[in-house]
Amino acid sequence: MSPLQRTTFRILVANHYGVLTKVAAAFARRACNIIFLEVHALTDDPSRSVITAVAEDGKDTIRQVYNQLFKLEDVIELNID
């Protein structure tokens, strides 16, 4: 098992009903602990929002969550720190 690490996900998504649930479900499917979750609707384009999530888990689980988020059609851009 990998040691725990904190990772920040910055996710640009389409701004409509149900997107936050889909993003949170990607973490839940991998039993990944979300420490912080925030949604910013203030972008240059009102049809998009930015979700910031800080998760703490092993490197393999973080990679799996990243791959799950990348597959979501509502995700426009995905960055991790």
Protein backbone atom coordinates (compact mmCIF):
# COMPACT_ATOMS: atom_id res chain seq x y z
CA MET A 1 0.00 0.00 0.00
CA SER A 2 1.29 3.46 -0.91
CA PRO A 3 1.82 6.05 1.83
CA LEU A 4 -0.89 8.69 2.05
CA GLN A 5 -0.38 11.89 0.13
CA ARG A 6 -2.47 15.03 -0.26
CA THR A 7 -3.36 15.94 -3.81
CA THR A 8 -5.24 18.98 -5.13
CA PHE A 9 -7.53 18.44 -8.11
CA ARG A 10 -8.61 21.50 -10.13
CA ILE A 11 -11.43 20.45 -12.41
CA LEU A 12 -13.04 22.68 -15.04
CA VAL A 13 -16.53 21.31 -15.69
CA ALA A 14 -19.69 22.10 -17.61
CA ASN A 15 -21.94 24.06 -15.24
CA HIS A 16 -25.17 22.11 -15.00
CA TYR A 17 -27.23 19.95 -12.67
CA GLY A 18 -25.61 16.73 -11.41
CA VAL A 19 -21.97 17.43 -12.29
CA LEU A 20 -20.82 17.74 -8.67
CA THR A 21 -22.48 14.41 -7.86
CA LYS A 22 -20.64 12.70 -10.72
CA VAL A 23 -17.31 14.17 -9.61
CA ALA A 24 -17.85 13.17 -5.96
CA ALA A 25 -18.88 9.66 -7.08
CA ALA A 26 -15.53 9.23 -8.86
CA PHE A 27 -13.81 9.70 -5.49
CA ALA A 28 -16.34 7.51 -3.66
CA ARG A 29 -15.93 4.61 -6.10
CA ARG A 30 -12.27 4.41 -5.11
CA ALA A 31 -12.97 5.07 -1.40
CA CYS A 32 -10.75 8.14 -1.66
CA ASN A 33 -10.99 10.57 1.26
CA ILE A 34 -11.93 14.12 0.22
CA ILE A 35 -10.55 16.63 2.73
CA PHE A 36 -11.74 19.81 1.01
CA LEU A 37 -14.28 20.43 -1.74
CA GLU A 38 -15.22 23.80 -3.25
CA VAL A 39 -17.08 24.88 -6.38
CA HIS A 40 -16.43 28.23 -8.07
CA ALA A 41 -19.08 29.33 -10.54
CA LEU A 42 -17.13 32.50 -11.27
CA THR A 43 -15.35 31.91 -14.58
CA ASP A 44 -15.26 33.97 -17.76
CA ASP A 45 -17.82 31.59 -19.22
CA PRO A 46 -21.04 31.15 -17.16
CA SER A 47 -21.53 27.69 -18.68
CA ARG A 48 -18.44 26.43 -16.80
CA SER A 49 -17.44 26.02 -13.16
CA VAL A 50 -14.22 25.11 -11.38
CA ILE A 51 -14.25 22.38 -8.75
CA THR A 52 -11.30 22.26 -6.34
CA ALA A 53 -10.94 19.05 -4.35
CA VAL A 54 -8.16 18.07 -1.97
CA ALA A 55 -7.91 14.33 -1.41
CA GLU A 56 -5.69 12.21 0.79
CA ASP A 57 -4.89 8.68 -0.28
CA GLY A 58 -2.19 6.49 -1.80
CA LYS A 59 -0.53 7.30 -5.10
CA ASP A 60 -2.29 4.42 -6.91
CA THR A 61 -5.73 5.48 -5.70
CA ILE A 62 -5.08 9.11 -6.68
CA ARG A 63 -4.08 7.94 -10.16
CA GLN A 64 -7.26 5.84 -10.44
CA VAL A 65 -9.45 8.79 -9.38
CA TYR A 66 -7.67 11.00 -11.94
CA ASN A 67 -8.40 8.44 -14.67
CA GLN A 68 -12.07 8.19 -13.62
CA LEU A 69 -12.50 11.97 -13.63
CA PHE A 70 -10.79 12.25 -17.03
CA LYS A 71 -13.43 9.91 -18.49
CA LEU A 72 -16.39 12.06 -17.40
CA GLU A 73 -17.89 13.90 -20.37
CA ASP A 74 -18.64 16.99 -18.24
CA VAL A 75 -14.95 17.42 -17.36
CA ILE A 76 -13.37 19.98 -19.69
CA GLU A 77 -9.95 20.29 -18.06
CA LEU A 78 -8.27 18.41 -15.20
CA ASN A 79 -5.11 19.38 -13.30
CA ILE A 80 -3.55 17.93 -10.18
CA ASP A 81 -0.86 19.29 -7.84
